[in-house]
Structure formats: C-alpha cells, structure tokens
Amino acid sequence: MNPEEFDSELRYRATLLAAEEMLKKGLILAEEYDRIDTALLKKYRPFVGMLLAGKSDVQEEKT
C-alpha cells in the first residue's frame, strides 16, 4: 500500500467512525449512515474499506 492509498483508508475510516457515533447516539438513521458510507467510498476509494463494506461495485459519479 502506497502513502496515498494509506491516506485514503485513514480518511475514510476516521470519517466513518464519526458517522457510526452519530448512528449510535440516534442523531442519524441507519439509511442515512448507509448513504454516508457510500458517499465516503466514492470520495476516498479505499481498497480495504470497499472490501470490508462489501460494496466493491461503487462507481464514481460523473459530473
């Protein structure tokens, strides 16, 4: 894993942990958490994170 890939994994995981805490505290719904997870996967493209999430088919949105 190169430094850029590591950085993507770290940023994805750190941000997802914040969303998990919000979910545990009832600040967001499970559906919102899933949307956040998908958005983070699209943004950071973490290889390990995508494998663990079981969402390896997440595609980048075209702008």
PDB file of N, CA and C in Angstrom:
ATOM      1  N   MET A   1       0.853  -1.171   0.000  1.00  0.00           N
ATOM      2  CA  MET A   1       0.000   0.000   0.000  1.00  0.00           C
ATOM      3  C   MET A   1       0.900   1.234   0.000  1.00  0.00           C
ATOM      4  N   ASN A   2       0.656   2.110  -0.956  1.00  0.00           N
ATOM      5  CA  ASN A   2       1.470   3.322  -1.018  1.00  0.00           C
ATOM      6  C   ASN A   2       0.888   4.389  -0.081  1.00  0.00           C
ATOM      7  N   PRO A   3       1.612   5.489   0.147  1.00  0.00           N
ATOM      8  CA  PRO A   3       1.142   6.518   1.077  1.00  0.00           C
ATOM      9  C   PRO A   3      -0.224   7.115   0.711  1.00  0.00           C
ATOM     10  N   GLU A   4      -0.503   7.285  -0.568  1.00  0.00           N
ATOM     11  CA  GLU A   4      -1.803   7.837  -0.973  1.00  0.00           C
ATOM     12  C   GLU A   4      -2.940   6.877  -0.635  1.00  0.00           C
ATOM     13  N   GLU A   5      -2.719   5.593  -0.869  1.00  0.00           N
ATOM     14  CA  GLU A   5      -3.738   4.590  -0.536  1.00  0.00           C
ATOM     15  C   GLU A   5      -3.961   4.532   0.971  1.00  0.00           C
ATOM     16  N   PHE A   6      -2.883   4.598   1.729  1.00  0.00           N
ATOM     17  CA  PHE A   6      -2.997   4.594   3.182  1.00  0.00           C
ATOM     18  C   PHE A   6      -3.783   5.803   3.657  1.00  0.00           C
ATOM     19  N   ASP A   7      -3.494   6.967   3.091  1.00  0.00           N
ATOM     20  CA  ASP A   7      -4.197   8.190   3.461  1.00  0.00           C
ATOM     21  C   ASP A   7      -5.692   8.074   3.157  1.00  0.00           C
ATOM     22  N   SER A   8      -6.035   7.503   2.021  1.00  0.00           N
ATOM     23  CA  SER A   8      -7.442   7.312   1.665  1.00  0.00           C
ATOM     24  C   SER A   8      -8.138   6.387   2.655  1.00  0.00           C
ATOM     25  N   GLU A   9      -7.463   5.307   3.025  1.00  0.00           N
ATOM     26  CA  GLU A   9      -8.032   4.373   4.002  1.00  0.00           C
ATOM     27  C   GLU A   9      -8.252   5.069   5.341  1.00  0.00           C
ATOM     28  N   LEU A  10      -7.255   5.824   5.770  1.00  0.00           N
ATOM     29  CA  LEU A  10      -7.324   6.510   7.055  1.00  0.00           C
ATOM     30  C   LEU A  10      -8.447   7.541   7.080  1.00  0.00           C
ATOM     31  N   ARG A  11      -8.537   8.349   6.053  1.00  0.00           N
ATOM     32  CA  ARG A  11      -9.584   9.373   5.995  1.00  0.00           C
ATOM     33  C   ARG A  11     -10.977   8.749   5.941  1.00  0.00           C
ATOM     34  N   TYR A  12     -11.126   7.693   5.145  1.00  0.00           N
ATOM     35  CA  TYR A  12     -12.416   7.001   5.055  1.00  0.00           C
ATOM     36  C   TYR A  12     -12.817   6.471   6.425  1.00  0.00           C
ATOM     37  N   ARG A  13     -11.912   5.754   7.062  1.00  0.00           N
ATOM     38  CA  ARG A  13     -12.226   5.106   8.342  1.00  0.00           C
ATOM     39  C   ARG A  13     -12.503   6.125   9.439  1.00  0.00           C
ATOM     40  N   ALA A  14     -11.713   7.188   9.509  1.00  0.00           N
ATOM     41  CA  ALA A  14     -11.915   8.203  10.544  1.00  0.00           C
ATOM     42  C   ALA A  14     -13.268   8.889  10.378  1.00  0.00           C
ATOM     43  N   THR A  15     -13.623   9.201   9.152  1.00  0.00           N
ATOM     44  CA  THR A  15     -14.898   9.862   8.906  1.00  0.00           C
ATOM     45  C   THR A  15     -16.057   8.910   9.163  1.00  0.00           C
ATOM     46  N   LEU A  16     -15.901   7.654   8.787  1.00  0.00           N
ATOM     47  CA  LEU A  16     -16.952   6.672   9.021  1.00  0.00           C
ATOM     48  C   LEU A  16     -17.165   6.446  10.517  1.00  0.00           C
ATOM     49  N   LEU A  17     -16.105   6.490  11.303  1.00  0.00           N
ATOM     50  CA  LEU A  17     -16.241   6.344  12.753  1.00  0.00           C
ATOM     51  C   LEU A  17     -17.095   7.459  13.342  1.00  0.00           C
ATOM     52  N   ALA A  18     -16.951   8.664  12.823  1.00  0.00           N
ATOM     53  CA  ALA A  18     -17.785   9.772  13.288  1.00  0.00           C
ATOM     54  C   ALA A  18     -19.252   9.499  12.964  1.00  0.00           C
ATOM     55  N   ALA A  19     -19.509   8.983  11.779  1.00  0.00           N
ATOM     56  CA  ALA A  19     -20.882   8.651  11.392  1.00  0.00           C
ATOM     57  C   ALA A  19     -21.429   7.517  12.264  1.00  0.00           C
ATOM     58  N   GLU A  20     -20.591   6.550  12.604  1.00  0.00           N
ATOM     59  CA  GLU A  20     -21.018   5.448  13.475  1.00  0.00           C
ATOM     60  C   GLU A  20     -21.427   5.970  14.848  1.00  0.00           C
ATOM     61  N   GLU A  21     -20.677   6.916  15.372  1.00  0.00           N
ATOM     62  CA  GLU A  21     -21.023   7.514  16.662  1.00  0.00           C
ATOM     63  C   GLU A  21     -22.353   8.256  16.577  1.00  0.00           C
ATOM     64  N   MET A  22     -22.570   8.960  15.486  1.00  0.00           N
ATOM     65  CA  MET A  22     -23.840   9.661  15.296  1.00  0.00           C
ATOM     66  C   MET A  22     -24.994   8.668  15.233  1.00  0.00           C
ATOM     67  N   LEU A  23     -24.779   7.542  14.575  1.00  0.00           N
ATOM     68  CA  LEU A  23     -25.800   6.499  14.487  1.00  0.00           C
ATOM     69  C   LEU A  23     -26.096   5.927  15.872  1.00  0.00           C
ATOM     70  N   LYS A  24     -25.059   5.630  16.641  1.00  0.00           N
ATOM     71  CA  LYS A  24     -25.234   5.081  17.995  1.00  0.00           C
ATOM     72  C   LYS A  24     -26.000   6.034  18.902  1.00  0.00           C
ATOM     73  N   LYS A  25     -25.780   7.332  18.719  1.00  0.00           N
ATOM     74  CA  LYS A  25     -26.441   8.340  19.552  1.00  0.00           C
ATOM     75  C   LYS A  25     -27.830   8.706  19.041  1.00  0.00           C
ATOM     76  N   GLY A  26     -28.234   8.107  17.945  1.00  0.00           N
ATOM     77  CA  GLY A  26     -29.561   8.379  17.403  1.00  0.00           C
ATOM     78  C   GLY A  26     -29.663   9.686  16.644  1.00  0.00           C
ATOM     79  N   LEU A  27     -28.535  10.248  16.276  1.00  0.00           N
ATOM     80  CA  LEU A  27     -28.540  11.518  15.552  1.00  0.00           C
ATOM     81  C   LEU A  27     -28.839  11.334  14.070  1.00  0.00           C
ATOM     82  N   ILE A  28     -28.554  10.143  13.553  1.00  0.00           N
ATOM     83  CA  ILE A  28     -28.871   9.817  12.162  1.00  0.00           C
ATOM     84  C   ILE A  28     -29.513   8.433  12.120  1.00  0.00           C
ATOM     85  N   LEU A  29     -30.245   8.170  11.062  1.00  0.00           N
ATOM     86  CA  LEU A  29     -30.876   6.868  10.855  1.00  0.00           C
ATOM     87  C   LEU A  29     -29.918   5.924  10.137  1.00  0.00           C
ATOM     88  N   ALA A  30     -30.223   4.635  10.187  1.00  0.00           N
ATOM     89  CA  ALA A  30     -29.390   3.636   9.512  1.00  0.00           C
ATOM     90  C   ALA A  30     -29.309   3.909   8.012  1.00  0.00           C
ATOM     91  N   GLU A  31     -30.404   4.356   7.430  1.00  0.00           N
ATOM     92  CA  GLU A  31     -30.410   4.668   5.997  1.00  0.00           C
ATOM     93  C   GLU A  31     -29.461   5.823   5.684  1.00  0.00           C
ATOM     94  N   GLU A  32     -29.433   6.803   6.582  1.00  0.00           N
ATOM     95  CA  GLU A  32     -28.522   7.935   6.393  1.00  0.00           C
ATOM     96  C   GLU A  32     -27.070   7.482   6.537  1.00  0.00           C
ATOM     97  N   TYR A  33     -26.829   6.601   7.495  1.00  0.00           N
ATOM     98  CA  TYR A  33     -25.485   6.052   7.676  1.00  0.00           C
ATOM     99  C   TYR A  33     -25.031   5.332   6.409  1.00  0.00           C
ATOM    100  N   ASP A  34     -25.916   4.535   5.833  1.00  0.00           N
ATOM    101  CA  ASP A  34     -25.577   3.818   4.594  1.00  0.00           C
ATOM    102  C   ASP A  34     -25.251   4.781   3.461  1.00  0.00           C
ATOM    103  N   ARG A  35     -26.008   5.874   3.363  1.00  0.00           N
ATOM    104  CA  ARG A  35     -25.731   6.870   2.319  1.00  0.00           C
ATOM    105  C   ARG A  35     -24.388   7.550   2.565  1.00  0.00           C
ATOM    106  N   ILE A  36     -24.090   7.837   3.825  1.00  0.00           N
ATOM    107  CA  ILE A  36     -22.798   8.439   4.174  1.00  0.00           C
ATOM    108  C   ILE A  36     -21.668   7.483   3.802  1.00  0.00           C
ATOM    109  N   ASP A  37     -21.831   6.213   4.154  1.00  0.00           N
ATOM    110  CA  ASP A  37     -20.811   5.209   3.838  1.00  0.00           C
ATOM    111  C   ASP A  37     -20.565   5.144   2.335  1.00  0.00           C
ATOM    112  N   THR A  38     -21.633   5.094   1.558  1.00  0.00           N
ATOM    113  CA  THR A  38     -21.496   5.034   0.102  1.00  0.00           C
ATOM    114  C   THR A  38     -20.809   6.284  -0.435  1.00  0.00           C
ATOM    115  N   ALA A  39     -21.184   7.448   0.085  1.00  0.00           N
ATOM    116  CA  ALA A  39     -20.568   8.703  -0.366  1.00  0.00           C
ATOM    117  C   ALA A  39     -19.076   8.726  -0.034  1.00  0.00           C
ATOM    118  N   LEU A  40     -18.718   8.238   1.150  1.00  0.00           N
ATOM    119  CA  LEU A  40     -17.307   8.201   1.543  1.00  0.00           C
ATOM    120  C   LEU A  40     -16.519   7.219   0.690  1.00  0.00           C
ATOM    121  N   LEU A  41     -17.134   6.092   0.351  1.00  0.00           N
ATOM    122  CA  LEU A  41     -16.470   5.131  -0.532  1.00  0.00           C
ATOM    123  C   LEU A  41     -16.208   5.751  -1.898  1.00  0.00           C
ATOM    124  N   LYS A  42     -17.162   6.513  -2.400  1.00  0.00           N
ATOM    125  CA  LYS A  42     -16.987   7.175  -3.695  1.00  0.00           C
ATOM    126  C   LYS A  42     -15.903   8.246  -3.624  1.00  0.00           C
ATOM    127  N   LYS A  43     -15.867   8.955  -2.499  1.00  0.00           N
ATOM    128  CA  LYS A  43     -14.906  10.054  -2.365  1.00  0.00           C
ATOM    129  C   LYS A  43     -13.473   9.552  -2.174  1.00  0.00           C
ATOM    130  N   TYR A  44     -13.283   8.612  -1.257  1.00  0.00           N
ATOM    131  CA  TYR A  44     -11.933   8.195  -0.881  1.00  0.00           C
ATOM    132  C   TYR A  44     -11.434   6.960  -1.622  1.00  0.00           C
ATOM    133  N   ARG A  45     -12.335   6.143  -2.174  1.00  0.00           N
ATOM    134  CA  ARG A  45     -11.974   4.924  -2.916  1.00  0.00           C
ATOM    135  C   ARG A  45     -10.991   4.039  -2.133  1.00  0.00           C
ATOM    136  N   PRO A  46     -11.281   3.740  -0.856  1.00  0.00           N
ATOM    137  CA  PRO A  46     -10.368   2.913  -0.060  1.00  0.00           C
ATOM    138  C   PRO A  46     -10.500   1.440  -0.438  1.00  0.00           C
ATOM    139  N   PHE A  47      -9.431   0.821  -0.851  1.00  0.00           N
ATOM    140  CA  PHE A  47      -9.486  -0.574  -1.291  1.00  0.00           C
ATOM    141  C   PHE A  47      -9.967  -1.497  -0.174  1.00  0.00           C
ATOM    142  N   VAL A  48      -9.320  -1.430   0.983  1.00  0.00           N
ATOM    143  CA  VAL A  48      -9.696  -2.292   2.102  1.00  0.00           C
ATOM    144  C   VAL A  48     -11.095  -1.933   2.595  1.00  0.00           C
ATOM    145  N   GLY A  49     -11.386  -0.655   2.685  1.00  0.00           N
ATOM    146  CA  GLY A  49     -12.711  -0.219   3.122  1.00  0.00           C
ATOM    147  C   GLY A  49     -13.814  -0.732   2.217  1.00  0.00           C
ATOM    148  N   MET A  50     -13.559  -0.760   0.919  1.00  0.00           N
ATOM    149  CA  MET A  50     -14.560  -1.263  -0.019  1.00  0.00           C
ATOM    150  C   MET A  50     -14.757  -2.764   0.154  1.00  0.00           C
ATOM    151  N   LEU A  51     -13.690  -3.485   0.419  1.00  0.00           N
ATOM    152  CA  LEU A  51     -13.818  -4.924   0.652  1.00  0.00           C
ATOM    153  C   LEU A  51     -14.615  -5.199   1.921  1.00  0.00           C
ATOM    154  N   LEU A  52     -14.307  -4.476   2.983  1.00  0.00           N
ATOM    155  CA  LEU A  52     -14.999  -4.680   4.252  1.00  0.00           C
ATOM    156  C   LEU A  52     -16.459  -4.260   4.176  1.00  0.00           C
ATOM    157  N   ALA A  53     -16.749  -3.236   3.396  1.00  0.00           N
ATOM    158  CA  ALA A  53     -18.123  -2.756   3.262  1.00  0.00           C
ATOM    159  C   ALA A  53     -18.939  -3.649   2.345  1.00  0.00           C
ATOM    160  N   GLY A  54     -18.262  -4.476   1.566  1.00  0.00           N
ATOM    161  CA  GLY A  54     -18.972  -5.325   0.620  1.00  0.00           C
ATOM    162  C   GLY A  54     -19.599  -4.536  -0.509  1.00  0.00           C
ATOM    163  N   LYS A  55     -19.016  -3.382  -0.804  1.00  0.00           N
ATOM    164  CA  LYS A  55     -19.552  -2.501  -1.835  1.00  0.00           C
ATOM    165  C   LYS A  55     -18.495  -2.228  -2.901  1.00  0.00           C
ATOM    166  N   SER A  56     -17.834  -3.249  -3.368  1.00  0.00           N
ATOM    167  CA  SER A  56     -16.757  -3.065  -4.339  1.00  0.00           C
ATOM    168  C   SER A  56     -17.248  -2.573  -5.685  1.00  0.00           C
ATOM    169  N   ASP A  57     -18.573  -2.557  -5.885  1.00  0.00           N
ATOM    170  CA  ASP A  57     -19.129  -2.102  -7.158  1.00  0.00           C
ATOM    171  C   ASP A  57     -19.518  -0.626  -7.142  1.00  0.00           C
ATOM    172  N   VAL A  58     -19.125   0.110  -6.107  1.00  0.00           N
ATOM    173  CA  VAL A  58     -19.442   1.536  -6.023  1.00  0.00           C
ATOM    174  C   VAL A  58     -18.731   2.255  -7.157  1.00  0.00           C
ATOM    175  N   GLN A  59     -19.483   2.995  -7.933  1.00  0.00           N
ATOM    176  CA  GLN A  59     -18.935   3.727  -9.075  1.00  0.00           C
ATOM    177  C   GLN A  59     -18.832   5.205  -8.739  1.00  0.00           C
ATOM    178  N   GLU A  60     -17.851   5.862  -9.334  1.00  0.00           N
ATOM    179  CA  GLU A  60     -17.733   7.307  -9.182  1.00  0.00           C
ATOM    180  C   GLU A  60     -18.851   7.975  -9.946  1.00  0.00           C
ATOM    181  N   GLU A  61     -19.430   9.019  -9.332  1.00  0.00           N
ATOM    182  CA  GLU A  61     -20.464   9.769 -10.025  1.00  0.00           C
ATOM    183  C   GLU A  61     -19.828  10.653 -11.067  1.00  0.00           C
ATOM    184  N   LYS A  62     -20.478  10.763 -12.204  1.00  0.00           N
ATOM    185  CA  LYS A  62     -19.985  11.629 -13.268  1.00  0.00           C
ATOM    186  C   LYS A  62     -20.604  13.003 -13.095  1.00  0.00           C
ATOM    187  N   THR A  63     -19.756  14.028 -13.191  1.00  0.00           N
ATOM    188  CA  THR A  63     -20.251  15.398 -13.028  1.00  0.00           C
ATOM    189  C   THR A  63     -20.363  16.090 -14.347  1.00  0.00           C
TER     190      THR A  63
END
